[in-house]
Amino acid sequence: MKIVLTVIYICFTILGILLMKLGGNSLSLTFHQGINFKIGFVTLLGFLSYLFSFLLWQRLVVSFDLSYIVPITTGIVQIVILLIGILFFKEQINIVGLLGVLLVILGVVLMTIGKR
């Protein structure tokens, strides 16, 4: 069950970041003449996805060792977000970024093997 929650957490974190990127600059706060809060629908969905992932994160922190769950989930999220940026948003990656990705992958694999 903990693995399922971890996968759901990762999916909602990635979805939240993706939707906030797609929503662009639609968040607008005004506090001068009363409270005025505007947010685009896509950005709102991203915010809610990210909020849900945070609630799942609270559960994961209690269920796993911190030294295990934080690096692994963070590494997986970072790699998937990088791939989304490259594939969907046509972002560029240089050799240093590629080396960083390889090190993250190596770190996640080593931590997973070390946990067994």
PDB file of N, CA and C in Angstrom:
ATOM      1  N   MET A   1       0.824  -1.197   0.000  1.00  0.00           N
ATOM      2  CA  MET A   1       0.000   0.000   0.000  1.00  0.00           C
ATOM      3  C   MET A   1       0.869   1.263   0.000  1.00  0.00           C
ATOM      4  N   LYS A   2       2.018   1.183   0.694  1.00  0.00           N
ATOM      5  CA  LYS A   2       2.907   2.349   0.737  1.00  0.00           C
ATOM      6  C   LYS A   2       3.460   2.680  -0.640  1.00  0.00           C
ATOM      7  N   ILE A   3       3.731   1.653  -1.437  1.00  0.00           N
ATOM      8  CA  ILE A   3       4.253   1.872  -2.787  1.00  0.00           C
ATOM      9  C   ILE A   3       3.183   2.533  -3.657  1.00  0.00           C
ATOM     10  N   VAL A   4       1.939   2.092  -3.517  1.00  0.00           N
ATOM     11  CA  VAL A   4       0.836   2.687  -4.286  1.00  0.00           C
ATOM     12  C   VAL A   4       0.690   4.165  -3.929  1.00  0.00           C
ATOM     13  N   LEU A   5       0.739   4.487  -2.641  1.00  0.00           N
ATOM     14  CA  LEU A   5       0.657   5.891  -2.217  1.00  0.00           C
ATOM     15  C   LEU A   5       1.820   6.705  -2.766  1.00  0.00           C
ATOM     16  N   THR A   6       2.989   6.092  -2.831  1.00  0.00           N
ATOM     17  CA  THR A   6       4.162   6.785  -3.368  1.00  0.00           C
ATOM     18  C   THR A   6       3.976   7.089  -4.845  1.00  0.00           C
ATOM     19  N   VAL A   7       3.479   6.128  -5.597  1.00  0.00           N
ATOM     20  CA  VAL A   7       3.245   6.340  -7.029  1.00  0.00           C
ATOM     21  C   VAL A   7       2.178   7.418  -7.243  1.00  0.00           C
ATOM     22  N   ILE A   8       1.113   7.374  -6.452  1.00  0.00           N
ATOM     23  CA  ILE A   8       0.061   8.397  -6.565  1.00  0.00           C
ATOM     24  C   ILE A   8       0.628   9.770  -6.207  1.00  0.00           C
ATOM     25  N   TYR A   9       1.446   9.833  -5.170  1.00  0.00           N
ATOM     26  CA  TYR A   9       2.080  11.101  -4.789  1.00  0.00           C
ATOM     27  C   TYR A   9       2.917  11.650  -5.945  1.00  0.00           C
ATOM     28  N   ILE A  10       3.744  10.802  -6.529  1.00  0.00           N
ATOM     29  CA  ILE A  10       4.604  11.231  -7.632  1.00  0.00           C
ATOM     30  C   ILE A  10       3.755  11.729  -8.801  1.00  0.00           C
ATOM     31  N   CYS A  11       2.697  11.009  -9.139  1.00  0.00           N
ATOM     32  CA  CYS A  11       1.831  11.406 -10.258  1.00  0.00           C
ATOM     33  C   CYS A  11       1.162  12.755 -10.000  1.00  0.00           C
ATOM     34  N   PHE A  12       0.636  12.965  -8.807  1.00  0.00           N
ATOM     35  CA  PHE A  12      -0.028  14.234  -8.512  1.00  0.00           C
ATOM     36  C   PHE A  12       0.958  15.392  -8.399  1.00  0.00           C
ATOM     37  N   THR A  13       2.161  15.121  -7.936  1.00  0.00           N
ATOM     38  CA  THR A  13       3.185  16.172  -7.899  1.00  0.00           C
ATOM     39  C   THR A  13       3.534  16.601  -9.318  1.00  0.00           C
ATOM     40  N   ILE A  14       3.770  15.632 -10.182  1.00  0.00           N
ATOM     41  CA  ILE A  14       4.108  15.928 -11.575  1.00  0.00           C
ATOM     42  C   ILE A  14       2.943  16.621 -12.277  1.00  0.00           C
ATOM     43  N   LEU A  15       1.733  16.133 -12.053  1.00  0.00           N
ATOM     44  CA  LEU A  15       0.553  16.750 -12.660  1.00  0.00           C
ATOM     45  C   LEU A  15       0.387  18.195 -12.195  1.00  0.00           C
ATOM     46  N   GLY A  16       0.591  18.428 -10.906  1.00  0.00           N
ATOM     47  CA  GLY A  16       0.471  19.785 -10.380  1.00  0.00           C
ATOM     48  C   GLY A  16       1.472  20.731 -11.013  1.00  0.00           C
ATOM     49  N   ILE A  17       2.709  20.309 -11.121  1.00  0.00           N
ATOM     50  CA  ILE A  17       3.741  21.154 -11.732  1.00  0.00           C
ATOM     51  C   ILE A  17       3.438  21.384 -13.208  1.00  0.00           C
ATOM     52  N   LEU A  18       3.041  20.331 -13.915  1.00  0.00           N
ATOM     53  CA  LEU A  18       2.720  20.447 -15.336  1.00  0.00           C
ATOM     54  C   LEU A  18       1.552  21.416 -15.566  1.00  0.00           C
ATOM     55  N   LEU A  19       0.491  21.268 -14.789  1.00  0.00           N
ATOM     56  CA  LEU A  19      -0.672  22.143 -14.965  1.00  0.00           C
ATOM     57  C   LEU A  19      -0.365  23.587 -14.599  1.00  0.00           C
ATOM     58  N   MET A  20       0.457  23.806 -13.579  1.00  0.00           N
ATOM     59  CA  MET A  20       0.823  25.179 -13.234  1.00  0.00           C
ATOM     60  C   MET A  20       1.664  25.801 -14.341  1.00  0.00           C
ATOM     61  N   LYS A  21       2.516  25.006 -14.974  1.00  0.00           N
ATOM     62  CA  LYS A  21       3.303  25.500 -16.112  1.00  0.00           C
ATOM     63  C   LYS A  21       2.387  25.828 -17.286  1.00  0.00           C
ATOM     64  N   LEU A  22       1.437  24.950 -17.562  1.00  0.00           N
ATOM     65  CA  LEU A  22       0.488  25.186 -18.647  1.00  0.00           C
ATOM     66  C   LEU A  22      -0.416  26.382 -18.363  1.00  0.00           C
ATOM     67  N   GLY A  23      -0.759  26.575 -17.089  1.00  0.00           N
ATOM     68  CA  GLY A  23      -1.625  27.690 -16.707  1.00  0.00           C
ATOM     69  C   GLY A  23      -0.952  29.038 -16.865  1.00  0.00           C
ATOM     70  N   GLY A  24       0.358  29.019 -16.896  1.00  0.00           N
ATOM     71  CA  GLY A  24       1.101  30.257 -17.115  1.00  0.00           C
ATOM     72  C   GLY A  24       0.981  31.233 -15.966  1.00  0.00           C
ATOM     73  N   ASN A  25       0.883  32.484 -16.315  1.00  0.00           N
ATOM     74  CA  ASN A  25       0.873  33.579 -15.346  1.00  0.00           C
ATOM     75  C   ASN A  25      -0.542  34.006 -14.987  1.00  0.00           C
ATOM     76  N   SER A  26      -1.421  33.045 -14.737  1.00  0.00           N
ATOM     77  CA  SER A  26      -2.823  33.393 -14.536  1.00  0.00           C
ATOM     78  C   SER A  26      -3.163  33.746 -13.088  1.00  0.00           C
ATOM     79  N   LEU A  27      -2.211  33.646 -12.192  1.00  0.00           N
ATOM     80  CA  LEU A  27      -2.459  33.976 -10.791  1.00  0.00           C
ATOM     81  C   LEU A  27      -2.293  35.470 -10.575  1.00  0.00           C
ATOM     82  N   SER A  28      -3.301  36.083  -9.974  1.00  0.00           N
ATOM     83  CA  SER A  28      -3.264  37.527  -9.735  1.00  0.00           C
ATOM     84  C   SER A  28      -3.802  37.804  -8.339  1.00  0.00           C
ATOM     85  N   LEU A  29      -3.008  38.455  -7.508  1.00  0.00           N
ATOM     86  CA  LEU A  29      -3.430  38.825  -6.154  1.00  0.00           C
ATOM     87  C   LEU A  29      -3.432  40.343  -6.024  1.00  0.00           C
ATOM     88  N   THR A  30      -4.460  40.891  -5.407  1.00  0.00           N
ATOM     89  CA  THR A  30      -4.525  42.325  -5.156  1.00  0.00           C
ATOM     90  C   THR A  30      -4.991  42.536  -3.726  1.00  0.00           C
ATOM     91  N   PHE A  31      -4.239  43.285  -2.958  1.00  0.00           N
ATOM     92  CA  PHE A  31      -4.607  43.527  -1.568  1.00  0.00           C
ATOM     93  C   PHE A  31      -4.798  45.010  -1.260  1.00  0.00           C
ATOM     94  N   HIS A  32      -4.633  45.890  -2.240  1.00  0.00           N
ATOM     95  CA  HIS A  32      -4.700  47.332  -2.012  1.00  0.00           C
ATOM     96  C   HIS A  32      -6.125  47.797  -1.755  1.00  0.00           C
ATOM     97  N   GLN A  33      -7.033  47.490  -2.638  1.00  0.00           N
ATOM     98  CA  GLN A  33      -8.414  47.958  -2.530  1.00  0.00           C
ATOM     99  C   GLN A  33      -9.326  46.785  -2.193  1.00  0.00           C
ATOM    100  N   GLY A  34      -9.055  46.143  -1.130  1.00  0.00           N
ATOM    101  CA  GLY A  34      -9.792  44.943  -0.777  1.00  0.00           C
ATOM    102  C   GLY A  34      -9.054  43.720  -1.282  1.00  0.00           C
ATOM    103  N   ILE A  35      -9.631  42.600  -1.060  1.00  0.00           N
ATOM    104  CA  ILE A  35      -8.983  41.358  -1.469  1.00  0.00           C
ATOM    105  C   ILE A  35      -9.510  40.952  -2.841  1.00  0.00           C
ATOM    106  N   ASN A  36      -8.617  40.787  -3.783  1.00  0.00           N
ATOM    107  CA  ASN A  36      -8.961  40.374  -5.133  1.00  0.00           C
ATOM    108  C   ASN A  36      -8.042  39.218  -5.506  1.00  0.00           C
ATOM    109  N   PHE A  37      -8.593  38.081  -5.731  1.00  0.00           N
ATOM    110  CA  PHE A  37      -7.803  36.882  -6.025  1.00  0.00           C
ATOM    111  C   PHE A  37      -8.338  36.252  -7.292  1.00  0.00           C
ATOM    112  N   LYS A  38      -7.528  36.212  -8.342  1.00  0.00           N
ATOM    113  CA  LYS A  38      -7.921  35.599  -9.611  1.00  0.00           C
ATOM    114  C   LYS A  38      -6.934  34.491  -9.941  1.00  0.00           C
ATOM    115  N   ILE A  39      -7.473  33.397 -10.426  1.00  0.00           N
ATOM    116  CA  ILE A  39      -6.618  32.287 -10.823  1.00  0.00           C
ATOM    117  C   ILE A  39      -7.275  31.579 -12.005  1.00  0.00           C
ATOM    118  N   GLY A  40      -6.479  31.229 -12.996  1.00  0.00           N
ATOM    119  CA  GLY A  40      -6.998  30.505 -14.150  1.00  0.00           C
ATOM    120  C   GLY A  40      -7.371  29.078 -13.778  1.00  0.00           C
ATOM    121  N   PHE A  41      -8.258  28.486 -14.585  1.00  0.00           N
ATOM    122  CA  PHE A  41      -8.755  27.148 -14.279  1.00  0.00           C
ATOM    123  C   PHE A  41      -7.641  26.107 -14.288  1.00  0.00           C
ATOM    124  N   VAL A  42      -6.766  26.160 -15.298  1.00  0.00           N
ATOM    125  CA  VAL A  42      -5.680  25.185 -15.393  1.00  0.00           C
ATOM    126  C   VAL A  42      -4.714  25.344 -14.216  1.00  0.00           C
ATOM    127  N   THR A  43      -4.418  26.588 -13.869  1.00  0.00           N
ATOM    128  CA  THR A  43      -3.543  26.838 -12.722  1.00  0.00           C
ATOM    129  C   THR A  43      -4.197  26.347 -11.433  1.00  0.00           C
ATOM    130  N   LEU A  44      -5.494  26.545 -11.305  1.00  0.00           N
ATOM    131  CA  LEU A  44      -6.227  26.063 -10.125  1.00  0.00           C
ATOM    132  C   LEU A  44      -6.154  24.542 -10.032  1.00  0.00           C
ATOM    133  N   LEU A  45      -6.350  23.858 -11.157  1.00  0.00           N
ATOM    134  CA  LEU A  45      -6.229  22.397 -11.147  1.00  0.00           C
ATOM    135  C   LEU A  45      -4.822  21.964 -10.739  1.00  0.00           C
ATOM    136  N   GLY A  46      -3.815  22.686 -11.228  1.00  0.00           N
ATOM    137  CA  GLY A  46      -2.443  22.391 -10.844  1.00  0.00           C
ATOM    138  C   GLY A  46      -2.218  22.600  -9.360  1.00  0.00           C
ATOM    139  N   PHE A  47      -2.758  23.703  -8.839  1.00  0.00           N
ATOM    140  CA  PHE A  47      -2.632  23.991  -7.411  1.00  0.00           C
ATOM    141  C   PHE A  47      -3.308  22.902  -6.576  1.00  0.00           C
ATOM    142  N   LEU A  48      -4.510  22.486  -6.985  1.00  0.00           N
ATOM    143  CA  LEU A  48      -5.228  21.448  -6.241  1.00  0.00           C
ATOM    144  C   LEU A  48      -4.503  20.103  -6.320  1.00  0.00           C
ATOM    145  N   SER A  49      -3.930  19.792  -7.473  1.00  0.00           N
ATOM    146  CA  SER A  49      -3.149  18.557  -7.608  1.00  0.00           C
ATOM    147  C   SER A  49      -1.934  18.587  -6.682  1.00  0.00           C
ATOM    148  N   TYR A  50      -1.280  19.729  -6.668  1.00  0.00           N
ATOM    149  CA  TYR A  50      -0.099  19.880  -5.820  1.00  0.00           C
ATOM    150  C   TYR A  50      -0.479  19.830  -4.341  1.00  0.00           C
ATOM    151  N   LEU A  51      -1.617  20.403  -3.992  1.00  0.00           N
ATOM    152  CA  LEU A  51      -2.111  20.346  -2.617  1.00  0.00           C
ATOM    153  C   LEU A  51      -2.407  18.908  -2.206  1.00  0.00           C
ATOM    154  N   PHE A  52      -3.045  18.159  -3.098  1.00  0.00           N
ATOM    155  CA  PHE A  52      -3.337  16.755  -2.810  1.00  0.00           C
ATOM    156  C   PHE A  52      -2.042  15.959  -2.633  1.00  0.00           C
ATOM    157  N   SER A  53      -1.047  16.254  -3.482  1.00  0.00           N
ATOM    158  CA  SER A  53       0.231  15.549  -3.358  1.00  0.00           C
ATOM    159  C   SER A  53       0.901  15.885  -2.024  1.00  0.00           C
ATOM    160  N   PHE A  54       0.735  17.124  -1.561  1.00  0.00           N
ATOM    161  CA  PHE A  54       1.288  17.499  -0.260  1.00  0.00           C
ATOM    162  C   PHE A  54       0.631  16.699   0.862  1.00  0.00           C
ATOM    163  N   LEU A  55      -0.677  16.505   0.777  1.00  0.00           N
ATOM    164  CA  LEU A  55      -1.370  15.707   1.803  1.00  0.00           C
ATOM    165  C   LEU A  55      -0.890  14.254   1.780  1.00  0.00           C
ATOM    166  N   LEU A  56      -0.658  13.725   0.578  1.00  0.00           N
ATOM    167  CA  LEU A  56      -0.096  12.380   0.481  1.00  0.00           C
ATOM    168  C   LEU A  56       1.319  12.343   1.042  1.00  0.00           C
ATOM    169  N   TRP A  57       2.067  13.414   0.793  1.00  0.00           N
ATOM    170  CA  TRP A  57       3.447  13.500   1.289  1.00  0.00           C
ATOM    171  C   TRP A  57       3.479  13.380   2.807  1.00  0.00           C
ATOM    172  N   GLN A  58       2.529  13.993   3.481  1.00  0.00           N
ATOM    173  CA  GLN A  58       2.469  13.903   4.936  1.00  0.00           C
ATOM    174  C   GLN A  58       2.345  12.449   5.380  1.00  0.00           C
ATOM    175  N   ARG A  59       1.584  11.686   4.646  1.00  0.00           N
ATOM    176  CA  ARG A  59       1.408  10.269   4.967  1.00  0.00           C
ATOM    177  C   ARG A  59       2.691   9.478   4.686  1.00  0.00           C
ATOM    178  N   LEU A  60       3.346   9.800   3.572  1.00  0.00           N
ATOM    179  CA  LEU A  60       4.573   9.086   3.210  1.00  0.00           C
ATOM    180  C   LEU A  60       5.699   9.352   4.203  1.00  0.00           C
ATOM    181  N   VAL A  61       5.797  10.578   4.680  1.00  0.00           N
ATOM    182  CA  VAL A  61       6.848  10.941   5.633  1.00  0.00           C
ATOM    183  C   VAL A  61       6.713  10.113   6.908  1.00  0.00           C
ATOM    184  N   VAL A  62       5.491   9.841   7.302  1.00  0.00           N
ATOM    185  CA  VAL A  62       5.249   9.047   8.506  1.00  0.00           C
ATOM    186  C   VAL A  62       5.534   7.567   8.248  1.00  0.00           C
ATOM    187  N   SER A  63       5.265   7.104   7.019  1.00  0.00           N
ATOM    188  CA  SER A  63       5.348   5.684   6.707  1.00  0.00           C
ATOM    189  C   SER A  63       6.758   5.183   6.370  1.00  0.00           C
ATOM    190  N   PHE A  64       7.611   6.044   5.806  1.00  0.00           N
ATOM    191  CA  PHE A  64       8.934   5.631   5.342  1.00  0.00           C
ATOM    192  C   PHE A  64      10.026   6.313   6.154  1.00  0.00           C
ATOM    193  N   ASP A  65      11.238   5.796   6.031  1.00  0.00           N
ATOM    194  CA  ASP A  65      12.407   6.494   6.555  1.00  0.00           C
ATOM    195  C   ASP A  65      12.656   7.723   5.687  1.00  0.00           C
ATOM    196  N   LEU A  66      12.888   8.857   6.297  1.00  0.00           N
ATOM    197  CA  LEU A  66      13.121  10.097   5.541  1.00  0.00           C
ATOM    198  C   LEU A  66      14.335   9.987   4.631  1.00  0.00           C
ATOM    199  N   SER A  67      15.377   9.346   5.118  1.00  0.00           N
ATOM    200  CA  SER A  67      16.600   9.238   4.330  1.00  0.00           C
ATOM    201  C   SER A  67      16.405   8.374   3.085  1.00  0.00           C
ATOM    202  N   TYR A  68      15.308   7.685   3.012  1.00  0.00           N
ATOM    203  CA  TYR A  68      14.993   6.837   1.864  1.00  0.00           C
ATOM    204  C   TYR A  68      13.982   7.497   0.939  1.00  0.00           C
ATOM    205  N   ILE A  69      12.873   7.955   1.482  1.00  0.00           N
ATOM    206  CA  ILE A  69      11.753   8.424   0.658  1.00  0.00           C
ATOM    207  C   ILE A  69      12.025   9.777   0.004  1.00  0.00           C
ATOM    208  N   VAL A  70      12.681  10.676   0.699  1.00  0.00           N
ATOM    209  CA  VAL A  70      12.914  12.016   0.137  1.00  0.00           C
ATOM    210  C   VAL A  70      13.803  11.966  -1.098  1.00  0.00           C
ATOM    211  N   PRO A  71      14.991  11.355  -1.046  1.00  0.00           N
ATOM    212  CA  PRO A  71      15.826  11.345  -2.252  1.00  0.00           C
ATOM    213  C   PRO A  71      15.211  10.594  -3.424  1.00  0.00           C
ATOM    214  N   ILE A  72      14.548   9.500  -3.146  1.00  0.00           N
ATOM    215  CA  ILE A  72      13.990   8.702  -4.237  1.00  0.00           C
ATOM    216  C   ILE A  72      12.840   9.421  -4.918  1.00  0.00           C
ATOM    217  N   THR A  73      11.875   9.916  -4.154  1.00  0.00           N
ATOM    218  CA  THR A  73      10.740  10.603  -4.780  1.00  0.00           C
ATOM    219  C   THR A  73      11.175  11.899  -5.453  1.00  0.00           C
ATOM    220  N   THR A  74      12.064  12.629  -4.818  1.00  0.00           N
ATOM    221  CA  THR A  74      12.546  13.874  -5.412  1.00  0.00           C
ATOM    222  C   THR A  74      13.287  13.595  -6.710  1.00  0.00           C
ATOM    223  N   GLY A  75      14.121  12.580  -6.724  1.00  0.00           N
ATOM    224  CA  GLY A  75      14.860  12.228  -7.930  1.00  0.00           C
ATOM    225  C   GLY A  75      13.940  11.819  -9.065  1.00  0.00           C
ATOM    226  N   ILE A  76      12.964  10.990  -8.767  1.00  0.00           N
ATOM    227  CA  ILE A  76      12.022  10.545  -9.800  1.00  0.00           C
ATOM    228  C   ILE A  76      11.235  11.728 -10.358  1.00  0.00           C
ATOM    229  N   VAL A  77      10.729  12.580  -9.468  1.00  0.00           N
ATOM    230  CA  VAL A  77       9.970  13.756  -9.913  1.00  0.00           C
ATOM    231  C   VAL A  77      10.845  14.660 -10.774  1.00  0.00           C
ATOM    232  N   GLN A  78      12.067  14.909 -10.354  1.00  0.00           N
ATOM    233  CA  GLN A  78      12.954  15.788 -11.117  1.00  0.00           C
ATOM    234  C   GLN A  78      13.223  15.247 -12.515  1.00  0.00           C
ATOM    235  N   ILE A  79      13.461  13.952 -12.621  1.00  0.00           N
ATOM    236  CA  ILE A  79      13.748  13.353 -13.927  1.00  0.00           C
ATOM    237  C   ILE A  79      12.525  13.417 -14.837  1.00  0.00           C
ATOM    238  N   VAL A  80      11.354  13.075 -14.306  1.00  0.00           N
ATOM    239  CA  VAL A  80      10.140  13.100 -15.133  1.00  0.00           C
ATOM    240  C   VAL A  80       9.811  14.535 -15.560  1.00  0.00           C
ATOM    241  N   ILE A  81       9.963  15.493 -14.663  1.00  0.00           N
ATOM    242  CA  ILE A  81       9.710  16.893 -15.014  1.00  0.00           C
ATOM    243  C   ILE A  81      10.696  17.363 -16.084  1.00  0.00           C
ATOM    244  N   LEU A  82      11.938  16.953 -15.969  1.00  0.00           N
ATOM    245  CA  LEU A  82      12.926  17.295 -16.993  1.00  0.00           C
ATOM    246  C   LEU A  82      12.514  16.734 -18.345  1.00  0.00           C
ATOM    247  N   LEU A  83      12.087  15.485 -18.384  1.00  0.00           N
ATOM    248  CA  LEU A  83      11.650  14.870 -19.638  1.00  0.00           C
ATOM    249  C   LEU A  83      10.414  15.571 -20.204  1.00  0.00           C
ATOM    250  N   ILE A  84       9.480  15.929 -19.346  1.00  0.00           N
ATOM    251  CA  ILE A  84       8.297  16.671 -19.793  1.00  0.00           C
ATOM    252  C   ILE A  84       8.707  18.011 -20.384  1.00  0.00           C
ATOM    253  N   GLY A  85       9.636  18.692 -19.734  1.00  0.00           N
ATOM    254  CA  GLY A  85      10.117  19.978 -20.241  1.00  0.00           C
ATOM    255  C   GLY A  85      10.732  19.839 -21.622  1.00  0.00           C
ATOM    256  N   ILE A  86      11.509  18.790 -21.813  1.00  0.00           N
ATOM    257  CA  ILE A  86      12.166  18.568 -23.102  1.00  0.00           C
ATOM    258  C   ILE A  86      11.148  18.168 -24.170  1.00  0.00           C
ATOM    259  N   LEU A  87      10.266  17.223 -23.843  1.00  0.00           N
ATOM    260  CA  LEU A  87       9.344  16.681 -24.837  1.00  0.00           C
ATOM    261  C   LEU A  87       8.175  17.605 -25.169  1.00  0.00           C
ATOM    262  N   PHE A  88       7.584  18.244 -24.160  1.00  0.00           N
ATOM    263  CA  PHE A  88       6.369  19.024 -24.394  1.00  0.00           C
ATOM    264  C   PHE A  88       6.615  20.521 -24.524  1.00  0.00           C
ATOM    265  N   PHE A  89       7.611  21.023 -23.833  1.00  0.00           N
ATOM    266  CA  PHE A  89       7.850  22.465 -23.846  1.00  0.00           C
ATOM    267  C   PHE A  89       9.092  22.844 -24.652  1.00  0.00           C
ATOM    268  N   LYS A  90       9.708  21.840 -25.284  1.00  0.00           N
ATOM    269  CA  LYS A  90      10.873  22.058 -26.145  1.00  0.00           C
ATOM    270  C   LYS A  90      12.018  22.770 -25.420  1.00  0.00           C
ATOM    271  N   GLU A  91      12.175  22.487 -24.134  1.00  0.00           N
ATOM    272  CA  GLU A  91      13.277  23.053 -23.364  1.00  0.00           C
ATOM    273  C   GLU A  91      14.568  22.314 -23.723  1.00  0.00           C
ATOM    274  N   GLN A  92      15.669  22.985 -23.582  1.00  0.00           N
ATOM    275  CA  GLN A  92      16.973  22.418 -23.951  1.00  0.00           C
ATOM    276  C   GLN A  92      17.703  21.918 -22.702  1.00  0.00           C
ATOM    277  N   ILE A  93      18.518  20.887 -22.892  1.00  0.00           N
ATOM    278  CA  ILE A  93      19.362  20.392 -21.808  1.00  0.00           C
ATOM    279  C   ILE A  93      20.796  20.330 -22.336  1.00  0.00           C
ATOM    280  N   ASN A  94      21.717  20.755 -21.508  1.00  0.00           N
ATOM    281  CA  ASN A  94      23.125  20.722 -21.915  1.00  0.00           C
ATOM    282  C   ASN A  94      23.809  19.503 -21.304  1.00  0.00           C
ATOM    283  N   ILE A  95      25.076  19.349 -21.554  1.00  0.00           N
ATOM    284  CA  ILE A  95      25.825  18.173 -21.100  1.00  0.00           C
ATOM    285  C   ILE A  95      25.899  18.106 -19.571  1.00  0.00           C
ATOM    286  N   VAL A  96      25.987  19.251 -18.930  1.00  0.00           N
ATOM    287  CA  VAL A  96      26.022  19.255 -17.457  1.00  0.00           C
ATOM    288  C   VAL A  96      24.679  18.789 -16.901  1.00  0.00           C
ATOM    289  N   GLY A  97      23.586  19.236 -17.509  1.00  0.00           N
ATOM    290  CA  GLY A  97      22.266  18.779 -17.091  1.00  0.00           C
ATOM    291  C   GLY A  97      22.083  17.293 -17.305  1.00  0.00           C
ATOM    292  N   LEU A  98      22.574  16.805 -18.424  1.00  0.00           N
ATOM    293  CA  LEU A  98      22.494  15.379 -18.720  1.00  0.00           C
ATOM    294  C   LEU A  98      23.311  14.562 -17.717  1.00  0.00           C
ATOM    295  N   LEU A  99      24.478  15.056 -17.369  1.00  0.00           N
ATOM    296  CA  LEU A  99      25.303  14.397 -16.355  1.00  0.00           C
ATOM    297  C   LEU A  99      24.579  14.372 -15.001  1.00  0.00           C
ATOM    298  N   GLY A 100      23.927  15.467 -14.670  1.00  0.00           N
ATOM    299  CA  GLY A 100      23.148  15.524 -13.430  1.00  0.00           C
ATOM    300  C   GLY A 100      22.028  14.502 -13.407  1.00  0.00           C
ATOM    301  N   VAL A 101      21.333  14.352 -14.538  1.00  0.00           N
ATOM    302  CA  VAL A 101      20.263  13.354 -14.635  1.00  0.00           C
ATOM    303  C   VAL A 101      20.819  11.957 -14.428  1.00  0.00           C
ATOM    304  N   LEU A 102      21.936  11.677 -15.046  1.00  0.00           N
ATOM    305  CA  LEU A 102      22.548  10.357 -14.882  1.00  0.00           C
ATOM    306  C   LEU A 102      22.949  10.092 -13.432  1.00  0.00           C
ATOM    307  N   LEU A 103      23.467  11.111 -12.762  1.00  0.00           N
ATOM    308  CA  LEU A 103      23.824  10.956 -11.349  1.00  0.00           C
ATOM    309  C   LEU A 103      22.588  10.733 -10.476  1.00  0.00           C
ATOM    310  N   VAL A 104      21.503  11.428 -10.787  1.00  0.00           N
ATOM    311  CA  VAL A 104      20.258  11.233 -10.031  1.00  0.00           C
ATOM    312  C   VAL A 104      19.747   9.813 -10.229  1.00  0.00           C
ATOM    313  N   ILE A 105      19.750   9.347 -11.470  1.00  0.00           N
ATOM    314  CA  ILE A 105      19.300   7.980 -11.745  1.00  0.00           C
ATOM    315  C   ILE A 105      20.168   6.979 -10.997  1.00  0.00           C
ATOM    316  N   LEU A 106      21.476   7.171 -11.049  1.00  0.00           N
ATOM    317  CA  LEU A 106      22.393   6.294 -10.327  1.00  0.00           C
ATOM    318  C   LEU A 106      22.110   6.329  -8.823  1.00  0.00           C
ATOM    319  N   GLY A 107      21.862   7.488  -8.289  1.00  0.00           N
ATOM    320  CA  GLY A 107      21.563   7.615  -6.863  1.00  0.00           C
ATOM    321  C   GLY A 107      20.284   6.893  -6.471  1.00  0.00           C
ATOM    322  N   VAL A 108      19.232   7.031  -7.287  1.00  0.00           N
ATOM    323  CA  VAL A 108      17.968   6.356  -7.007  1.00  0.00           C
ATOM    324  C   VAL A 108      18.145   4.835  -7.075  1.00  0.00           C
ATOM    325  N   VAL A 109      18.875   4.375  -8.060  1.00  0.00           N
ATOM    326  CA  VAL A 109      19.114   2.925  -8.182  1.00  0.00           C
ATOM    327  C   VAL A 109      19.911   2.411  -6.979  1.00  0.00           C
ATOM    328  N   LEU A 110      20.974   3.130  -6.602  1.00  0.00           N
ATOM    329  CA  LEU A 110      21.781   2.699  -5.464  1.00  0.00           C
ATOM    330  C   LEU A 110      20.989   2.690  -4.166  1.00  0.00           C
ATOM    331  N   MET A 111      20.148   3.700  -3.965  1.00  0.00           N
ATOM    332  CA  MET A 111      19.338   3.738  -2.743  1.00  0.00           C
ATOM    333  C   MET A 111      18.319   2.621  -2.719  1.00  0.00           C
ATOM    334  N   THR A 112      17.735   2.312  -3.877  1.00  0.00           N
ATOM    335  CA  THR A 112      16.769   1.227  -3.945  1.00  0.00           C
ATOM    336  C   THR A 112      17.429  -0.112  -3.685  1.00  0.00           C
ATOM    337  N   ILE A 113      18.603  -0.321  -4.279  1.00  0.00           N
ATOM    338  CA  ILE A 113      19.329  -1.572  -4.053  1.00  0.00           C
ATOM    339  C   ILE A 113      19.770  -1.665  -2.585  1.00  0.00           C
ATOM    340  N   GLY A 114      20.235  -0.559  -2.036  1.00  0.00           N
ATOM    341  CA  GLY A 114      20.710  -0.547  -0.649  1.00  0.00           C
ATOM    342  C   GLY A 114      19.611  -0.801   0.361  1.00  0.00           C
ATOM    343  N   LYS A 115      18.374  -0.493   0.021  1.00  0.00           N
ATOM    344  CA  LYS A 115      17.261  -0.672   0.947  1.00  0.00           C
ATOM    345  C   LYS A 115      16.855  -2.137   1.072  1.00  0.00           C
ATOM    346  N   ARG A 116      17.174  -2.921   0.045  1.00  0.00           N
ATOM    347  CA  ARG A 116      16.757  -4.346   0.066  1.00  0.00           C
ATOM    348  C   ARG A 116      17.584  -5.082   0.991  1.00  0.00           C
TER     349      ARG A 116
END
